[in-house]
Amino acid sequence: MAIGELVKSADYKSEKHVPVIVLPSKIVAGEAFEVEVSVGKEIAHPNTTEHFINWISVYFKPAEGNLINVARFEYMTHGEAVAGANQGPAYAEPCSKFVLKLKTPGKLIATSYCNIHGLWESEAEVKF
């Protein structure tokens, strides 16, 4: 079985595991712009010791050329503590921002990993 057969996709408005990519309305070639990626934008994803988003990765696929990994975010704390599950003082939310410059159009592809429900993906077209 290929890993691609394990990756799930859906509409983020009806499925809490899908990574959401937010881009500005206007992107200019060669100029920096902000990208936000998150899981649970419309339907909150549990962020507990037992059920959490471990990471989000973002890739750029230019109209021509190979896939490029442009960002990766790991969410390392989910309420763990010596006192027990969900007793800790810190919970990381699966939401991150970064700045990107692109010279060519293409698509951004985000993947996320839920410790219970596996790999999820979404994409957003980048046009100039």
N, C-alpha and C. Protein backbone atom coordinates (compact mmCIF):
# COMPACT_ATOMS: atom_id res chain seq x y z
N MET A 1 0.84 -1.17 0.00
CA MET A 1 0.00 0.00 0.00
C MET A 1 0.89 1.24 0.00
N ALA A 2 0.58 2.18 -0.87
CA ALA A 2 1.32 3.44 -0.95
C ALA A 2 0.77 4.42 0.09
N ILE A 3 1.64 5.31 0.57
CA ILE A 3 1.21 6.27 1.59
C ILE A 3 0.07 7.15 1.10
N GLY A 4 0.05 7.46 -0.19
CA GLY A 4 -1.03 8.27 -0.75
C GLY A 4 -2.40 7.66 -0.54
N GLU A 5 -2.47 6.34 -0.45
CA GLU A 5 -3.74 5.66 -0.22
C GLU A 5 -4.25 5.85 1.21
N LEU A 6 -3.38 6.32 2.10
CA LEU A 6 -3.75 6.51 3.50
C LEU A 6 -4.14 7.95 3.83
N VAL A 7 -3.88 8.86 2.90
CA VAL A 7 -4.15 10.28 3.14
C VAL A 7 -5.63 10.56 2.87
N LYS A 8 -6.28 11.23 3.82
CA LYS A 8 -7.70 11.55 3.70
C LYS A 8 -7.88 13.02 3.39
N SER A 9 -9.00 13.33 2.76
CA SER A 9 -9.34 14.71 2.43
C SER A 9 -10.84 14.89 2.54
N ALA A 10 -11.26 16.10 2.86
CA ALA A 10 -12.68 16.42 2.98
C ALA A 10 -12.81 17.94 3.03
N ASP A 11 -14.02 18.43 3.12
CA ASP A 11 -14.28 19.85 3.28
C ASP A 11 -14.07 20.20 4.75
N TYR A 12 -13.22 21.19 5.03
CA TYR A 12 -12.92 21.54 6.42
C TYR A 12 -14.14 22.05 7.18
N LYS A 13 -15.17 22.48 6.46
CA LYS A 13 -16.38 22.97 7.13
C LYS A 13 -17.22 21.83 7.73
N SER A 14 -16.94 20.60 7.28
CA SER A 14 -17.70 19.47 7.81
C SER A 14 -16.80 18.40 8.44
N GLU A 15 -15.48 18.59 8.41
CA GLU A 15 -14.55 17.59 8.95
C GLU A 15 -13.45 18.30 9.73
N LYS A 16 -13.33 18.00 11.03
CA LYS A 16 -12.42 18.72 11.92
C LYS A 16 -10.95 18.40 11.73
N HIS A 17 -10.58 17.38 10.97
CA HIS A 17 -9.18 16.98 10.83
C HIS A 17 -8.47 17.62 9.64
N VAL A 18 -9.21 18.26 8.75
CA VAL A 18 -8.63 18.79 7.51
C VAL A 18 -7.83 20.06 7.79
N PRO A 19 -6.58 20.12 7.32
CA PRO A 19 -5.81 21.36 7.48
C PRO A 19 -6.39 22.45 6.57
N VAL A 20 -6.44 23.66 7.09
CA VAL A 20 -6.97 24.80 6.35
C VAL A 20 -5.80 25.73 6.02
N ILE A 21 -5.74 26.16 4.77
CA ILE A 21 -4.72 27.11 4.32
C ILE A 21 -5.41 28.44 4.05
N VAL A 22 -4.95 29.51 4.71
CA VAL A 22 -5.51 30.84 4.50
C VAL A 22 -4.44 31.70 3.83
N LEU A 23 -4.81 32.26 2.67
CA LEU A 23 -3.90 33.11 1.90
C LEU A 23 -4.51 34.50 1.74
N PRO A 24 -3.65 35.51 1.48
CA PRO A 24 -4.21 36.83 1.20
C PRO A 24 -4.94 36.82 -0.15
N SER A 25 -5.81 37.77 -0.33
CA SER A 25 -6.59 37.83 -1.58
C SER A 25 -5.71 38.17 -2.78
N LYS A 26 -4.60 38.86 -2.56
CA LYS A 26 -3.69 39.21 -3.65
C LYS A 26 -2.28 38.78 -3.29
N ILE A 27 -1.66 38.03 -4.19
CA ILE A 27 -0.27 37.59 -4.02
C ILE A 27 0.50 38.08 -5.24
N VAL A 28 1.68 38.70 -5.00
CA VAL A 28 2.51 39.23 -6.07
C VAL A 28 3.79 38.40 -6.15
N ALA A 29 4.15 38.01 -7.35
CA ALA A 29 5.36 37.21 -7.57
C ALA A 29 6.57 37.89 -6.95
N GLY A 30 7.33 37.14 -6.17
CA GLY A 30 8.56 37.65 -5.56
C GLY A 30 8.37 38.48 -4.31
N GLU A 31 7.13 38.76 -3.92
CA GLU A 31 6.88 39.54 -2.71
C GLU A 31 6.40 38.64 -1.57
N ALA A 32 6.84 38.94 -0.37
CA ALA A 32 6.48 38.14 0.80
C ALA A 32 4.98 38.26 1.10
N PHE A 33 4.39 37.14 1.51
CA PHE A 33 3.00 37.13 1.94
C PHE A 33 2.86 36.14 3.10
N GLU A 34 1.83 36.34 3.90
CA GLU A 34 1.61 35.51 5.08
C GLU A 34 0.68 34.34 4.74
N VAL A 35 1.05 33.18 5.26
CA VAL A 35 0.25 31.96 5.11
C VAL A 35 -0.12 31.50 6.52
N GLU A 36 -1.39 31.18 6.72
CA GLU A 36 -1.82 30.58 7.99
C GLU A 36 -2.32 29.17 7.71
N VAL A 37 -1.90 28.22 8.54
CA VAL A 37 -2.40 26.86 8.46
C VAL A 37 -2.94 26.46 9.83
N SER A 38 -4.05 25.74 9.81
CA SER A 38 -4.65 25.32 11.08
C SER A 38 -5.50 24.08 10.86
N VAL A 39 -5.84 23.45 11.95
CA VAL A 39 -6.79 22.35 11.94
C VAL A 39 -7.87 22.71 12.95
N GLY A 40 -9.13 22.53 12.54
CA GLY A 40 -10.23 22.83 13.44
C GLY A 40 -10.80 24.23 13.26
N LYS A 41 -10.68 24.79 12.07
CA LYS A 41 -11.13 26.16 11.82
C LYS A 41 -12.64 26.32 12.01
N GLU A 42 -13.42 25.41 11.47
CA GLU A 42 -14.88 25.49 11.59
C GLU A 42 -15.42 24.59 12.70
N ILE A 43 -14.83 23.41 12.81
CA ILE A 43 -15.23 22.44 13.85
C ILE A 43 -13.98 22.19 14.69
N ALA A 44 -14.03 22.56 15.95
CA ALA A 44 -12.84 22.43 16.82
C ALA A 44 -12.38 20.98 16.92
N HIS A 45 -11.07 20.81 16.81
CA HIS A 45 -10.47 19.49 17.02
C HIS A 45 -10.11 19.36 18.49
N PRO A 46 -10.38 18.21 19.10
CA PRO A 46 -9.96 18.03 20.50
C PRO A 46 -8.45 18.25 20.63
N ASN A 47 -8.05 18.83 21.68
CA ASN A 47 -6.64 19.03 21.95
C ASN A 47 -6.40 18.47 23.34
N THR A 48 -6.38 17.14 23.41
CA THR A 48 -6.23 16.46 24.69
C THR A 48 -5.04 15.52 24.64
N THR A 49 -4.66 15.02 25.77
CA THR A 49 -3.56 14.07 25.84
C THR A 49 -3.86 12.85 24.98
N GLU A 50 -5.13 12.47 24.92
CA GLU A 50 -5.51 11.26 24.20
C GLU A 50 -5.74 11.47 22.70
N HIS A 51 -6.09 12.68 22.28
CA HIS A 51 -6.51 12.94 20.90
C HIS A 51 -6.03 14.33 20.49
N PHE A 52 -5.05 14.38 19.58
CA PHE A 52 -4.45 15.68 19.24
C PHE A 52 -3.88 15.68 17.83
N ILE A 53 -3.65 16.89 17.30
CA ILE A 53 -2.92 17.08 16.04
C ILE A 53 -1.45 17.20 16.41
N ASN A 54 -0.64 16.32 15.86
CA ASN A 54 0.78 16.27 16.17
C ASN A 54 1.60 17.26 15.34
N TRP A 55 1.25 17.40 14.05
CA TRP A 55 2.01 18.30 13.19
C TRP A 55 1.21 18.72 11.96
N ILE A 56 1.64 19.81 11.35
CA ILE A 56 1.16 20.26 10.04
C ILE A 56 2.40 20.55 9.19
N SER A 57 2.41 20.04 7.96
CA SER A 57 3.47 20.35 6.99
C SER A 57 2.84 21.04 5.80
N VAL A 58 3.60 21.97 5.20
CA VAL A 58 3.11 22.69 4.03
C VAL A 58 4.13 22.54 2.90
N TYR A 59 3.62 22.22 1.72
CA TYR A 59 4.44 22.00 0.54
C TYR A 59 4.00 22.97 -0.56
N PHE A 60 4.94 23.32 -1.44
CA PHE A 60 4.61 24.11 -2.63
C PHE A 60 4.88 23.25 -3.85
N LYS A 61 3.88 23.16 -4.72
CA LYS A 61 4.04 22.46 -5.99
C LYS A 61 3.94 23.52 -7.08
N PRO A 62 5.08 23.95 -7.65
CA PRO A 62 5.02 24.93 -8.72
C PRO A 62 4.29 24.35 -9.93
N ALA A 63 3.79 25.22 -10.79
CA ALA A 63 3.10 24.77 -12.00
C ALA A 63 3.98 23.78 -12.77
N GLU A 64 5.28 24.04 -12.76
CA GLU A 64 6.23 23.11 -13.36
C GLU A 64 7.37 22.89 -12.38
N GLY A 65 7.69 21.64 -12.09
CA GLY A 65 8.78 21.34 -11.17
C GLY A 65 8.34 20.44 -10.04
N ASN A 66 9.26 20.17 -9.16
CA ASN A 66 9.05 19.23 -8.07
C ASN A 66 8.43 19.87 -6.84
N LEU A 67 7.84 19.05 -6.02
CA LEU A 67 7.26 19.45 -4.74
C LEU A 67 8.35 19.95 -3.80
N ILE A 68 8.08 21.06 -3.08
CA ILE A 68 9.05 21.65 -2.15
C ILE A 68 8.39 21.75 -0.78
N ASN A 69 9.05 21.23 0.25
CA ASN A 69 8.54 21.37 1.62
C ASN A 69 8.93 22.76 2.10
N VAL A 70 7.92 23.62 2.37
CA VAL A 70 8.21 25.01 2.75
C VAL A 70 8.04 25.30 4.24
N ALA A 71 7.31 24.46 4.96
CA ALA A 71 7.13 24.70 6.40
C ALA A 71 6.66 23.43 7.09
N ARG A 72 7.02 23.34 8.37
CA ARG A 72 6.55 22.23 9.21
C ARG A 72 6.42 22.74 10.64
N PHE A 73 5.29 22.42 11.24
CA PHE A 73 5.00 22.86 12.60
C PHE A 73 4.63 21.65 13.45
N GLU A 74 5.28 21.53 14.60
CA GLU A 74 4.97 20.44 15.53
C GLU A 74 4.33 21.03 16.77
N TYR A 75 3.29 20.36 17.23
CA TYR A 75 2.55 20.80 18.42
C TYR A 75 2.84 19.78 19.51
N MET A 76 3.65 20.18 20.47
CA MET A 76 4.31 19.25 21.36
C MET A 76 3.64 19.01 22.71
N THR A 77 2.68 19.81 23.10
CA THR A 77 2.10 19.63 24.42
C THR A 77 0.58 19.61 24.35
N HIS A 78 0.00 18.64 25.04
CA HIS A 78 -1.44 18.41 24.94
C HIS A 78 -2.05 18.14 26.32
N GLY A 79 -1.55 18.82 27.32
CA GLY A 79 -2.10 18.67 28.67
C GLY A 79 -1.52 17.52 29.47
N GLU A 80 -0.42 16.97 29.01
CA GLU A 80 0.22 15.88 29.76
C GLU A 80 0.80 16.40 31.07
N ALA A 81 0.80 15.56 32.09
CA ALA A 81 1.38 15.95 33.38
C ALA A 81 1.60 14.71 34.23
N VAL A 82 2.48 14.83 35.19
CA VAL A 82 2.72 13.74 36.14
C VAL A 82 1.41 13.40 36.87
N ALA A 83 0.57 14.40 37.10
CA ALA A 83 -0.70 14.20 37.79
C ALA A 83 -1.68 13.37 36.95
N GLY A 84 -1.44 13.28 35.64
CA GLY A 84 -2.31 12.49 34.78
C GLY A 84 -2.66 13.21 33.49
N ALA A 85 -3.40 12.49 32.65
CA ALA A 85 -3.82 13.03 31.36
C ALA A 85 -4.69 14.27 31.56
N ASN A 86 -4.43 15.28 30.73
CA ASN A 86 -5.20 16.53 30.72
C ASN A 86 -5.14 17.29 32.03
N GLN A 87 -4.10 17.07 32.81
CA GLN A 87 -3.90 17.79 34.07
C GLN A 87 -2.78 18.81 33.97
N GLY A 88 -2.11 18.84 32.81
CA GLY A 88 -0.96 19.73 32.64
C GLY A 88 -1.35 21.18 32.42
N PRO A 89 -0.37 22.06 32.52
CA PRO A 89 -0.63 23.49 32.42
C PRO A 89 -0.57 24.05 31.00
N ALA A 90 -0.23 23.22 29.99
CA ALA A 90 -0.02 23.76 28.64
C ALA A 90 -0.66 22.87 27.57
N TYR A 91 -1.29 23.54 26.60
CA TYR A 91 -1.92 22.87 25.46
C TYR A 91 -1.55 23.66 24.21
N ALA A 92 -0.94 23.00 23.22
CA ALA A 92 -0.60 23.67 21.96
C ALA A 92 -1.76 23.53 20.99
N GLU A 93 -2.19 24.65 20.41
CA GLU A 93 -3.26 24.63 19.41
C GLU A 93 -2.66 24.48 18.01
N PRO A 94 -3.26 23.67 17.13
CA PRO A 94 -2.71 23.47 15.78
C PRO A 94 -3.03 24.62 14.83
N CYS A 95 -2.34 25.72 15.04
CA CYS A 95 -2.50 26.91 14.19
C CYS A 95 -1.16 27.63 14.13
N SER A 96 -0.68 27.88 12.91
CA SER A 96 0.62 28.54 12.74
C SER A 96 0.59 29.46 11.53
N LYS A 97 1.48 30.46 11.57
CA LYS A 97 1.63 31.40 10.45
C LYS A 97 3.10 31.45 10.05
N PHE A 98 3.32 31.70 8.76
CA PHE A 98 4.68 31.90 8.27
C PHE A 98 4.63 32.81 7.06
N VAL A 99 5.79 33.33 6.67
CA VAL A 99 5.90 34.24 5.54
C VAL A 99 6.62 33.51 4.41
N LEU A 100 6.11 33.68 3.20
CA LEU A 100 6.63 32.96 2.04
C LEU A 100 6.76 33.91 0.86
N LYS A 101 7.75 33.68 0.01
CA LYS A 101 7.89 34.39 -1.27
C LYS A 101 7.91 33.32 -2.36
N LEU A 102 7.16 33.53 -3.40
CA LEU A 102 7.13 32.60 -4.52
C LEU A 102 7.39 33.35 -5.82
N LYS A 103 8.16 32.73 -6.71
CA LYS A 103 8.44 33.34 -8.00
C LYS A 103 7.49 32.86 -9.09
N THR A 104 6.85 31.71 -8.85
CA THR A 104 5.96 31.14 -9.85
C THR A 104 4.65 30.72 -9.19
N PRO A 105 3.57 30.67 -9.96
CA PRO A 105 2.31 30.18 -9.41
C PRO A 105 2.36 28.67 -9.21
N GLY A 106 1.38 28.17 -8.51
CA GLY A 106 1.30 26.73 -8.25
C GLY A 106 0.26 26.47 -7.19
N LYS A 107 0.50 25.47 -6.37
CA LYS A 107 -0.44 25.21 -5.28
C LYS A 107 0.30 24.90 -3.99
N LEU A 108 -0.29 25.33 -2.90
CA LEU A 108 0.20 24.96 -1.57
C LEU A 108 -0.63 23.76 -1.13
N ILE A 109 0.05 22.78 -0.58
CA ILE A 109 -0.59 21.57 -0.09
C ILE A 109 -0.23 21.42 1.38
N ALA A 110 -1.23 21.29 2.22
CA ALA A 110 -0.99 21.10 3.66
C ALA A 110 -1.38 19.68 4.04
N THR A 111 -0.56 19.07 4.88
CA THR A 111 -0.89 17.77 5.46
C THR A 111 -0.85 17.92 6.97
N SER A 112 -1.74 17.19 7.64
CA SER A 112 -1.75 17.20 9.10
C SER A 112 -1.85 15.76 9.58
N TYR A 113 -1.41 15.55 10.83
CA TYR A 113 -1.44 14.20 11.39
C TYR A 113 -2.15 14.21 12.74
N CYS A 114 -3.26 13.48 12.81
CA CYS A 114 -3.98 13.26 14.06
C CYS A 114 -3.52 11.92 14.62
N ASN A 115 -3.23 11.88 15.91
CA ASN A 115 -2.70 10.65 16.49
C ASN A 115 -3.71 9.50 16.45
N ILE A 116 -4.99 9.78 16.28
CA ILE A 116 -6.01 8.72 16.20
C ILE A 116 -6.50 8.51 14.77
N HIS A 117 -6.71 9.59 14.02
CA HIS A 117 -7.36 9.50 12.72
C HIS A 117 -6.42 9.64 11.52
N GLY A 118 -5.11 9.69 11.76
CA GLY A 118 -4.14 9.62 10.68
C GLY A 118 -3.89 10.89 9.89
N LEU A 119 -3.53 10.70 8.62
CA LEU A 119 -3.09 11.78 7.74
C LEU A 119 -4.25 12.42 6.99
N TRP A 120 -4.21 13.76 6.90
CA TRP A 120 -5.22 14.53 6.18
C TRP A 120 -4.52 15.56 5.31
N GLU A 121 -5.16 15.99 4.22
CA GLU A 121 -4.56 16.98 3.35
C GLU A 121 -5.60 17.93 2.77
N SER A 122 -5.10 19.08 2.33
CA SER A 122 -5.90 20.04 1.57
C SER A 122 -4.94 20.84 0.72
N GLU A 123 -5.49 21.64 -0.19
CA GLU A 123 -4.63 22.46 -1.04
C GLU A 123 -5.28 23.79 -1.34
N ALA A 124 -4.45 24.76 -1.75
CA ALA A 124 -4.92 26.08 -2.12
C ALA A 124 -4.10 26.54 -3.33
N GLU A 125 -4.78 27.05 -4.33
CA GLU A 125 -4.14 27.53 -5.54
C GLU A 125 -3.47 28.88 -5.27
N VAL A 126 -2.25 29.06 -5.78
CA VAL A 126 -1.54 30.33 -5.68
C VAL A 126 -1.46 30.92 -7.09
N LYS A 127 -2.14 32.06 -7.27
CA LYS A 127 -2.14 32.74 -8.56
C LYS A 127 -1.60 34.15 -8.37
N PHE A 128 -1.00 34.69 -9.42
CA PHE A 128 -0.50 36.06 -9.38
C PHE A 128 -1.40 36.94 -10.24
